[in-house]
C-alpha atoms as a PDB file:
ATOM      1  CA  MET A   1      -1.176 -10.220   5.994  1.00  0.00           C
ATOM      2  CA  THR A   2      -1.563  -9.768   9.746  1.00  0.00           C
ATOM      3  CA  ILE A   3      -5.059  -8.919  10.925  1.00  0.00           C
ATOM      4  CA  HIS A   4      -5.658  -6.706  13.939  1.00  0.00           C
ATOM      5  CA  ARG A   5      -8.848  -7.935  15.608  1.00  0.00           C
ATOM      6  CA  PHE A   6      -7.632  -6.832  19.037  1.00  0.00           C
ATOM      7  CA  LYS A   7      -6.152  -3.402  18.375  1.00  0.00           C
ATOM      8  CA  LYS A   8      -6.188  -1.412  21.653  1.00  0.00           C
ATOM      9  CA  LYS A   9      -7.899  -4.323  23.444  1.00  0.00           C
ATOM     10  CA  CYS A  10      -6.725  -5.458  26.878  1.00  0.00           C
ATOM     11  CA  PHE A  11      -6.608  -9.025  28.165  1.00  0.00           C
ATOM     12  CA  ILE A  12      -5.579 -11.121  31.141  1.00  0.00           C
ATOM     13  CA  VAL A  13      -4.196 -14.596  30.428  1.00  0.00           C
ATOM     14  CA  THR A  14      -3.515 -17.103  33.197  1.00  0.00           C
ATOM     15  CA  GLY A  15      -0.986 -19.890  32.788  1.00  0.00           C
ATOM     16  CA  ALA A  16       0.847 -17.496  30.482  1.00  0.00           C
ATOM     17  CA  ALA A  17       4.430 -18.596  31.140  1.00  0.00           C
ATOM     18  CA  ASP A  18       4.305 -21.373  28.554  1.00  0.00           C
ATOM     19  CA  GLY A  19       2.052 -23.746  26.646  1.00  0.00           C
ATOM     20  CA  ILE A  20      -1.431 -22.658  25.584  1.00  0.00           C
ATOM     21  CA  GLY A  21      -1.338 -19.511  27.736  1.00  0.00           C
ATOM     22  CA  LEU A  22       1.893 -18.274  26.180  1.00  0.00           C
ATOM     23  CA  ALA A  23       0.786 -19.141  22.644  1.00  0.00           C
ATOM     24  CA  THR A  24      -2.490 -17.256  23.192  1.00  0.00           C
ATOM     25  CA  THR A  25      -0.650 -14.253  24.602  1.00  0.00           C
ATOM     26  CA  GLU A  26       1.585 -14.164  21.545  1.00  0.00           C
ATOM     27  CA  ARG A  27      -1.391 -14.277  19.172  1.00  0.00           C
ATOM     28  CA  LEU A  28      -3.276 -11.546  21.008  1.00  0.00           C
ATOM     29  CA  ILE A  29      -0.257  -9.238  21.003  1.00  0.00           C
ATOM     30  CA  ARG A  30       0.420  -9.970  17.342  1.00  0.00           C
ATOM     31  CA  GLU A  31      -3.088  -8.719  16.600  1.00  0.00           C
ATOM     32  CA  GLY A  32      -2.702  -5.491  18.559  1.00  0.00           C
ATOM     33  CA  ALA A  33      -3.606  -6.327  22.168  1.00  0.00           C
ATOM     34  CA  SER A  34      -1.965  -5.607  25.489  1.00  0.00           C
ATOM     35  CA  VAL A  35      -1.797  -8.600  27.820  1.00  0.00           C
ATOM     36  CA  ALA A  36      -1.328  -9.009  31.555  1.00  0.00           C
ATOM     37  CA  MET A  37       0.378 -12.392  31.895  1.00  0.00           C
ATOM     38  CA  LEU A  38      -0.380 -14.354  35.082  1.00  0.00           C
ATOM     39  CA  ASP A  39       1.438 -17.483  36.227  1.00  0.00           C
ATOM     40  CA  LEU A  40       2.863 -19.097  39.346  1.00  0.00           C
ATOM     41  CA  SER A  41       6.284 -19.768  37.786  1.00  0.00           C
ATOM     42  CA  GLU A  42       8.018 -16.407  38.263  1.00  0.00           C
ATOM     43  CA  ASP A  43      11.294 -16.969  36.412  1.00  0.00           C
ATOM     44  CA  LYS A  44       9.655 -18.569  33.398  1.00  0.00           C
ATOM     45  CA  LEU A  45       6.936 -15.893  33.338  1.00  0.00           C
ATOM     46  CA  LEU A  46       9.383 -12.979  33.446  1.00  0.00           C
ATOM     47  CA  SER A  47      11.433 -14.536  30.662  1.00  0.00           C
ATOM     48  CA  ALA A  48       8.331 -15.056  28.519  1.00  0.00           C
ATOM     49  CA  ALA A  49       6.982 -11.533  29.086  1.00  0.00           C
ATOM     50  CA  GLU A  50      10.299  -9.876  28.312  1.00  0.00           C
ATOM     51  CA  LYS A  51      10.136 -10.685  24.610  1.00  0.00           C
ATOM     52  CA  PHE A  52       6.834  -8.809  24.221  1.00  0.00           C
ATOM     53  CA  GLY A  53       8.209  -5.505  25.497  1.00  0.00           C
ATOM     54  CA  GLU A  54       5.676  -2.842  26.383  1.00  0.00           C
ATOM     55  CA  HIS A  55       2.748  -4.960  25.171  1.00  0.00           C
ATOM     56  CA  ALA A  56       2.894  -7.375  28.119  1.00  0.00           C
ATOM     57  CA  GLN A  57       3.355  -7.265  31.866  1.00  0.00           C
ATOM     58  CA  ALA A  58       4.108 -10.219  34.137  1.00  0.00           C
ATOM     59  CA  PHE A  59       2.223 -10.877  37.390  1.00  0.00           C
ATOM     60  CA  THR A  60       3.201 -13.840  39.558  1.00  0.00           C
ATOM     61  CA  VAL A  61       0.200 -15.320  41.371  1.00  0.00           C
ATOM     62  CA  ASP A  62      -1.443 -18.566  42.471  1.00  0.00           C
ATOM     63  CA  ILE A  63      -4.915 -18.603  40.899  1.00  0.00           C
ATOM     64  CA  ALA A  64      -6.213 -20.746  43.762  1.00  0.00           C
ATOM     65  CA  SER A  65      -5.911 -17.760  46.148  1.00  0.00           C
ATOM     66  CA  GLU A  66      -8.895 -15.430  45.858  1.00  0.00           C
ATOM     67  CA  GLU A  67      -7.252 -12.617  47.826  1.00  0.00           C
ATOM     68  CA  LYS A  68      -4.105 -12.691  45.696  1.00  0.00           C
ATOM     69  CA  ILE A  69      -6.121 -12.829  42.479  1.00  0.00           C
ATOM     70  CA  LYS A  70      -8.149  -9.791  43.555  1.00  0.00           C
ATOM     71  CA  GLN A  71      -4.973  -7.843  44.273  1.00  0.00           C
ATOM     72  CA  THR A  72      -3.347  -8.948  41.028  1.00  0.00           C
ATOM     73  CA  PHE A  73      -6.391  -8.027  38.943  1.00  0.00           C
ATOM     74  CA  ALA A  74      -6.533  -4.577  40.486  1.00  0.00           C
ATOM     75  CA  THR A  75      -2.858  -3.960  39.716  1.00  0.00           C
ATOM     76  CA  ALA A  76      -3.051  -5.504  36.246  1.00  0.00           C
ATOM     77  CA  ILE A  77      -6.083  -3.481  35.201  1.00  0.00           C
ATOM     78  CA  GLU A  78      -4.480  -0.314  36.518  1.00  0.00           C
ATOM     79  CA  TRP A  79      -1.717  -1.046  33.987  1.00  0.00           C
ATOM     80  CA  LEU A  80      -4.077  -2.170  31.203  1.00  0.00           C
ATOM     81  CA  GLY A  81      -6.631   0.610  31.616  1.00  0.00           C
ATOM     82  CA  GLU A  82      -9.638  -1.681  31.112  1.00  0.00           C
ATOM     83  CA  LEU A  83     -10.401  -5.351  30.590  1.00  0.00           C
ATOM     84  CA  ASN A  84     -11.848  -6.741  27.351  1.00  0.00           C
ATOM     85  CA  GLY A  85     -11.232 -10.436  27.849  1.00  0.00           C
ATOM     86  CA  VAL A  86      -9.802 -13.233  29.984  1.00  0.00           C
ATOM     87  CA  VAL A  87      -8.252 -16.565  29.093  1.00  0.00           C
ATOM     88  CA  ASN A  88      -8.004 -19.185  31.827  1.00  0.00           C
ATOM     89  CA  ALA A  89      -5.203 -21.489  30.682  1.00  0.00           C
ATOM     90  CA  ALA A  90      -3.625 -22.167  34.087  1.00  0.00           C
ATOM     91  CA  GLY A  91      -3.831 -25.734  35.268  1.00  0.00           C
ATOM     92  CA  ILE A  92      -2.070 -28.806  36.578  1.00  0.00           C
ATOM     93  CA  VAL A  93      -2.391 -32.522  35.863  1.00  0.00           C
ATOM     94  CA  ASP A  94      -1.915 -35.530  38.091  1.00  0.00           C
ATOM     95  CA  PHE A  95      -2.057 -39.307  37.745  1.00  0.00           C
ATOM     96  CA  GLY A  96      -2.767 -42.042  40.241  1.00  0.00           C
ATOM     97  CA  HIS A  97      -4.889 -45.066  41.103  1.00  0.00           C
ATOM     98  CA  SER A  98      -8.171 -43.720  42.453  1.00  0.00           C
ATOM     99  CA  HIS A  99      -8.390 -46.245  45.302  1.00  0.00           C
ATOM    100  CA  GLU A 100      -4.969 -45.090  46.546  1.00  0.00           C
ATOM    101  CA  TYR A 101      -5.180 -41.423  45.597  1.00  0.00           C
ATOM    102  CA  PRO A 102      -4.359 -39.057  48.521  1.00  0.00           C
ATOM    103  CA  LEU A 103      -7.110 -36.566  49.262  1.00  0.00           C
ATOM    104  CA  GLU A 104      -4.627 -33.702  49.445  1.00  0.00           C
ATOM    105  CA  ARG A 105      -3.591 -34.326  45.833  1.00  0.00           C
ATOM    106  CA  TRP A 106      -7.257 -34.500  44.778  1.00  0.00           C
ATOM    107  CA  GLN A 107      -7.891 -31.203  46.555  1.00  0.00           C
ATOM    108  CA  ARG A 108      -4.933 -29.438  44.936  1.00  0.00           C
ATOM    109  CA  VAL A 109      -6.124 -30.384  41.432  1.00  0.00           C
ATOM    110  CA  ILE A 110      -9.654 -29.200  42.235  1.00  0.00           C
ATOM    111  CA  ASP A 111      -8.312 -26.011  43.835  1.00  0.00           C
ATOM    112  CA  VAL A 112      -6.239 -25.020  40.815  1.00  0.00           C
ATOM    113  CA  VAL A 113      -8.244 -26.355  37.874  1.00  0.00           C
ATOM    114  CA  LEU A 114     -11.827 -25.759  38.999  1.00  0.00           C
ATOM    115  CA  THR A 115     -11.829 -23.389  41.976  1.00  0.00           C
ATOM    116  CA  GLY A 116      -9.035 -21.306  40.457  1.00  0.00           C
ATOM    117  CA  THR A 117     -11.027 -20.941  37.241  1.00  0.00           C
ATOM    118  CA  PHE A 118     -14.073 -19.842  39.235  1.00  0.00           C
ATOM    119  CA  ILE A 119     -12.016 -17.328  41.229  1.00  0.00           C
ATOM    120  CA  VAL A 120     -10.599 -15.773  38.067  1.00  0.00           C
ATOM    121  CA  ASN A 121     -14.035 -15.627  36.413  1.00  0.00           C
ATOM    122  CA  LYS A 122     -15.660 -14.180  39.534  1.00  0.00           C
ATOM    123  CA  THR A 123     -12.983 -11.512  39.874  1.00  0.00           C
ATOM    124  CA  ALA A 124     -13.123 -10.584  36.189  1.00  0.00           C
ATOM    125  CA  ILE A 125     -16.896 -10.201  35.895  1.00  0.00           C
ATOM    126  CA  PRO A 126     -17.270  -6.657  37.329  1.00  0.00           C
ATOM    127  CA  TYR A 127     -14.571  -5.399  34.955  1.00  0.00           C
ATOM    128  CA  LEU A 128     -15.940  -7.254  31.930  1.00  0.00           C
ATOM    129  CA  LEU A 129     -19.485  -5.972  32.487  1.00  0.00           C
ATOM    130  CA  LYS A 130     -18.130  -2.495  31.722  1.00  0.00           C
ATOM    131  CA  THR A 131     -16.788  -3.578  28.319  1.00  0.00           C
ATOM    132  CA  ASN A 132     -19.136  -6.412  27.291  1.00  0.00           C
ATOM    133  CA  GLY A 133     -16.060  -8.592  27.333  1.00  0.00           C
ATOM    134  CA  ALA A 134     -15.375 -12.267  26.687  1.00  0.00           C
ATOM    135  CA  VAL A 135     -13.959 -15.201  28.631  1.00  0.00           C
ATOM    136  CA  VAL A 136     -12.467 -18.427  27.335  1.00  0.00           C
ATOM    137  CA  ASN A 137     -11.913 -21.163  29.903  1.00  0.00           C
ATOM    138  CA  VAL A 138      -9.596 -23.994  28.883  1.00  0.00           C
ATOM    139  CA  ALA A 139     -11.076 -27.396  29.696  1.00  0.00           C
ATOM    140  CA  SER A 140     -10.114 -30.768  28.166  1.00  0.00           C
ATOM    141  CA  ILE A 141     -11.576 -33.754  26.395  1.00  0.00           C
ATOM    142  CA  GLY A 142     -10.933 -35.375  29.774  1.00  0.00           C
ATOM    143  CA  GLY A 143     -13.846 -33.304  31.069  1.00  0.00           C
ATOM    144  CA  LEU A 144     -16.078 -34.731  28.343  1.00  0.00           C
ATOM    145  CA  ARG A 145     -15.162 -38.409  28.513  1.00  0.00           C
ATOM    146  CA  GLY A 146     -12.845 -38.977  31.467  1.00  0.00           C
ATOM    147  CA  LYS A 147      -9.284 -40.276  31.552  1.00  0.00           C
ATOM    148  CA  ALA A 148      -7.986 -43.377  33.281  1.00  0.00           C
ATOM    149  CA  TRP A 149      -5.840 -42.646  36.355  1.00  0.00           C
ATOM    150  CA  GLN A 150      -6.971 -38.992  36.225  1.00  0.00           C
ATOM    151  CA  ALA A 151     -10.183 -38.905  38.251  1.00  0.00           C
ATOM    152  CA  ALA A 152      -9.376 -35.543  39.861  1.00  0.00           C
ATOM    153  CA  TYR A 153      -8.341 -33.883  36.599  1.00  0.00           C
ATOM    154  CA  SER A 154     -11.335 -35.269  34.678  1.00  0.00           C
ATOM    155  CA  ALA A 155     -13.749 -34.194  37.414  1.00  0.00           C
ATOM    156  CA  ALA A 156     -12.233 -30.714  37.595  1.00  0.00           C
ATOM    157  CA  LYS A 157     -12.285 -30.183  33.827  1.00  0.00           C
ATOM    158  CA  GLY A 158     -15.871 -31.437  33.669  1.00  0.00           C
ATOM    159  CA  GLY A 159     -16.642 -28.838  36.289  1.00  0.00           C
ATOM    160  CA  VAL A 160     -15.009 -26.140  34.175  1.00  0.00           C
ATOM    161  CA  LEU A 161     -17.308 -27.042  31.270  1.00  0.00           C
ATOM    162  CA  ASN A 162     -20.494 -26.691  33.313  1.00  0.00           C
ATOM    163  CA  LEU A 163     -19.201 -23.671  35.229  1.00  0.00           C
ATOM    164  CA  THR A 164     -18.719 -21.920  31.894  1.00  0.00           C
ATOM    165  CA  ARG A 165     -22.208 -22.855  30.703  1.00  0.00           C
ATOM    166  CA  ALA A 166     -23.727 -21.612  33.961  1.00  0.00           C
ATOM    167  CA  LEU A 167     -21.924 -18.275  33.737  1.00  0.00           C
ATOM    168  CA  ALA A 168     -22.927 -17.921  30.084  1.00  0.00           C
ATOM    169  CA  CYS A 169     -26.577 -18.349  31.046  1.00  0.00           C
ATOM    170  CA  GLU A 170     -26.286 -15.895  33.920  1.00  0.00           C
ATOM    171  CA  TYR A 171     -24.561 -13.136  31.955  1.00  0.00           C
ATOM    172  CA  VAL A 172     -25.942 -13.775  28.465  1.00  0.00           C
ATOM    173  CA  GLY A 173     -25.785 -10.673  26.283  1.00  0.00           C
ATOM    174  CA  ARG A 174     -23.404  -8.934  28.675  1.00  0.00           C
ATOM    175  CA  ILE A 175     -20.292 -11.153  28.852  1.00  0.00           C
ATOM    176  CA  ARG A 176     -19.538 -14.023  26.491  1.00  0.00           C
ATOM    177  CA  PHE A 177     -18.312 -17.204  28.214  1.00  0.00           C
ATOM    178  CA  ASN A 178     -17.045 -20.113  26.110  1.00  0.00           C
ATOM    179  CA  THR A 179     -14.854 -23.152  26.610  1.00  0.00           C
ATOM    180  CA  VAL A 180     -12.212 -24.820  24.482  1.00  0.00           C
ATOM    181  CA  ALA A 181     -11.647 -28.532  25.131  1.00  0.00           C
ATOM    182  CA  PRO A 182      -8.265 -29.615  23.737  1.00  0.00           C
ATOM    183  CA  GLY A 183      -7.270 -33.165  23.042  1.00  0.00           C
ATOM    184  CA  GLN A 184      -3.628 -34.220  22.893  1.00  0.00           C
ATOM    185  CA  VAL A 185      -1.391 -31.155  23.009  1.00  0.00           C
ATOM    186  CA  ASN A 186       2.375 -31.400  22.966  1.00  0.00           C
ATOM    187  CA  ASN A 187       3.318 -29.062  25.810  1.00  0.00           C
ATOM    188  CA  ASN A 188       4.999 -29.085  29.227  1.00  0.00           C
ATOM    189  CA  ILE A 189       2.018 -29.377  31.570  1.00  0.00           C
ATOM    190  CA  ALA A 190       3.016 -32.785  32.969  1.00  0.00           C
ATOM    191  CA  MET A 191       6.585 -31.645  33.599  1.00  0.00           C
ATOM    192  CA  ASN A 192       5.404 -28.352  35.112  1.00  0.00           C
ATOM    193  CA  SER A 193       3.077 -30.301  37.419  1.00  0.00           C
ATOM    194  CA  GLN A 194       6.051 -32.374  38.627  1.00  0.00           C
ATOM    195  CA  ILE A 195       4.245 -35.680  38.321  1.00  0.00           C
ATOM    196  CA  GLN A 196       5.224 -39.196  37.379  1.00  0.00           C
ATOM    197  CA  VAL A 197       3.914 -40.503  34.057  1.00  0.00           C
ATOM    198  CA  PRO A 198       2.791 -43.257  33.963  1.00  0.00           C
ATOM    199  CA  PRO A 199       1.756 -43.671  37.604  1.00  0.00           C
ATOM    200  CA  ASP A 200       3.290 -46.345  39.835  1.00  0.00           C
ATOM    201  CA  GLY A 201       2.259 -49.860  38.898  1.00  0.00           C
ATOM    202  CA  ILE A 202       1.330 -49.025  35.300  1.00  0.00           C
ATOM    203  CA  SER A 203       3.704 -50.138  32.562  1.00  0.00           C
ATOM    204  CA  ASP A 204       4.561 -47.880  29.639  1.00  0.00           C
ATOM    205  CA  GLU A 205       2.816 -50.380  27.346  1.00  0.00           C
ATOM    206  CA  GLU A 206      -0.410 -50.390  29.386  1.00  0.00           C
ATOM    207  CA  PHE A 207      -0.405 -46.606  29.638  1.00  0.00           C
ATOM    208  CA  LEU A 208       0.159 -46.100  25.912  1.00  0.00           C
ATOM    209  CA  SER A 209      -2.496 -48.670  25.055  1.00  0.00           C
ATOM    210  CA  GLU A 210      -5.151 -46.937  27.177  1.00  0.00           C
ATOM    211  CA  TYR A 211      -4.266 -43.404  26.132  1.00  0.00           C
ATOM    212  CA  GLY A 212      -3.781 -44.432  22.522  1.00  0.00           C
ATOM    213  CA  LYS A 213      -7.437 -45.523  22.431  1.00  0.00           C
ATOM    214  CA  ARG A 214      -8.946 -42.599  24.308  1.00  0.00           C
ATOM    215  CA  VAL A 215      -6.692 -39.543  24.350  1.00  0.00           C
ATOM    216  CA  MET A 216      -4.001 -39.527  21.693  1.00  0.00           C
ATOM    217  CA  ALA A 217      -5.027 -38.070  18.340  1.00  0.00           C
ATOM    218  CA  PRO A 218      -4.976 -40.640  15.504  1.00  0.00           C
ATOM    219  CA  LYS A 219      -2.745 -38.440  13.349  1.00  0.00           C
ATOM    220  CA  GLY A 220      -0.607 -37.029  16.159  1.00  0.00           C
ATOM    221  CA  GLY A 221      -1.145 -34.316  18.737  1.00  0.00           C
ATOM    222  CA  GLY A 222      -1.293 -30.618  18.071  1.00  0.00           C
ATOM    223  CA  ASP A 223       0.773 -27.875  19.599  1.00  0.00           C
ATOM    224  CA  SER A 224      -0.227 -24.969  21.799  1.00  0.00           C
ATOM    225  CA  ASP A 225      -0.609 -22.581  18.863  1.00  0.00           C
ATOM    226  CA  ASP A 226      -3.313 -24.825  17.382  1.00  0.00           C
ATOM    227  CA  ILE A 227      -5.387 -24.260  20.515  1.00  0.00           C
ATOM    228  CA  ALA A 228      -4.494 -20.559  20.723  1.00  0.00           C
ATOM    229  CA  GLY A 229      -5.990 -19.990  17.276  1.00  0.00           C
ATOM    230  CA  VAL A 230      -9.362 -21.267  18.458  1.00  0.00           C
ATOM    231  CA  ILE A 231      -9.163 -19.273  21.689  1.00  0.00           C
ATOM    232  CA  THR A 232      -8.467 -16.005  19.887  1.00  0.00           C
ATOM    233  CA  PHE A 233     -11.381 -16.697  17.538  1.00  0.00           C
ATOM    234  CA  LEU A 234     -13.687 -17.137  20.546  1.00  0.00           C
ATOM    235  CA  LEU A 235     -12.452 -13.848  22.007  1.00  0.00           C
ATOM    236  CA  SER A 236     -13.015 -11.982  18.757  1.00  0.00           C
ATOM    237  CA  ASP A 237     -16.111 -10.350  17.304  1.00  0.00           C
ATOM    238  CA  ASP A 238     -16.183 -13.193  14.762  1.00  0.00           C
ATOM    239  CA  ALA A 239     -17.619 -15.333  17.582  1.00  0.00           C
ATOM    240  CA  ALA A 240     -20.122 -12.705  18.744  1.00  0.00           C
ATOM    241  CA  TYR A 241     -23.066 -15.149  18.672  1.00  0.00           C
ATOM    242  CA  MET A 242     -21.260 -17.879  20.635  1.00  0.00           C
ATOM    243  CA  GLU A 243     -22.146 -17.998  24.319  1.00  0.00           C
ATOM    244  CA  GLY A 244     -21.863 -21.102  26.472  1.00  0.00           C
ATOM    245  CA  SER A 245     -20.272 -23.118  23.679  1.00  0.00           C
ATOM    246  CA  THR A 246     -17.684 -25.856  24.069  1.00  0.00           C
ATOM    247  CA  VAL A 247     -15.324 -26.092  21.113  1.00  0.00           C
ATOM    248  CA  VAL A 248     -13.548 -29.454  20.979  1.00  0.00           C
ATOM    249  CA  VAL A 249     -10.088 -29.262  19.418  1.00  0.00           C
ATOM    250  CA  ASP A 250      -8.890 -32.858  19.346  1.00  0.00           C
ATOM    251  CA  ARG A 251      -8.193 -33.931  15.754  1.00  0.00           C
ATOM    252  CA  ALA A 252     -10.969 -36.526  15.695  1.00  0.00           C
ATOM    253  CA  THR A 253      -9.936 -38.222  18.931  1.00  0.00           C
ATOM    254  CA  ILE A 254     -13.528 -38.529  20.190  1.00  0.00           C
ATOM    255  CA  ALA A 255     -15.298 -38.544  16.844  1.00  0.00           C
END
C-alpha cells in the first residue's frame, strides 16, 4: 500500500537529474508531492522530469551561482505555490594527490559541494519559515572520516555536516535541518564529474585496497533509492523531533 506523507506538499531537489536526487524526487512524487527539479545537466534533467508529468518541473541551474539560484527559486516557487522542503543532493567528486592538487580544482569542489549547499539553504530559508519546512543536506562518510586522494571533497562534505548543525541551531523549532551521510552508493557521480578514477600514479590494486578498508561497504554498496528512503523520512512528520541530526547510511562501513 502506498502511503501519502507528502500529499499537496511542495519541494525543491537539487542534483535531481540522476542518482540520489532523482531517486528522492521519485519517492516524493509517489507520495503525493510536487517537485521542482534542479540540475546543471539540462538534457538529462529534462528527460528525467518528463516521466513525472505535471508533478515535476525542470530548472537548469548551477548551484554555485547565488544570483541564478535566487532567480530559479523565485520561478520554481511561483510554479509550486509554496515551499515545504529542500533536498540538496547536487555535488561533484574529484581525486588527486594533495601535494599536486591544482587550487582551481579545489575551489570548484568547495564552490559546488559546500558553498552551493549554503547558497541553496540561504535562499530557501525565507520561504521555509512560512511553512515550518525541512531541509536535508546530502553529505558523505567522507565528511566524517576523510578519504584518501579526496582532500577537497572530504573537507567540503565535513563543512556540509557542520553547516547543517549550525543552521539547525539557528532556526530550531522553525525549520528542521538534517544531514544524511551515505557510504558507498552505486551511482554516476564520478562519471558526471568527468574525473579519472583512480588518480594518476595510483594502481587499481592500491586504490581498491585503500577504499576497500575505508569506504566500500563490507556487503556491497547500496543504490540511490536506499538513500532516498532515509531522506524522505527526514522530510516527513515522522522525523519531527530530529533537528541537526546526521544519519549515516553506510551498511556498517564505519562501525
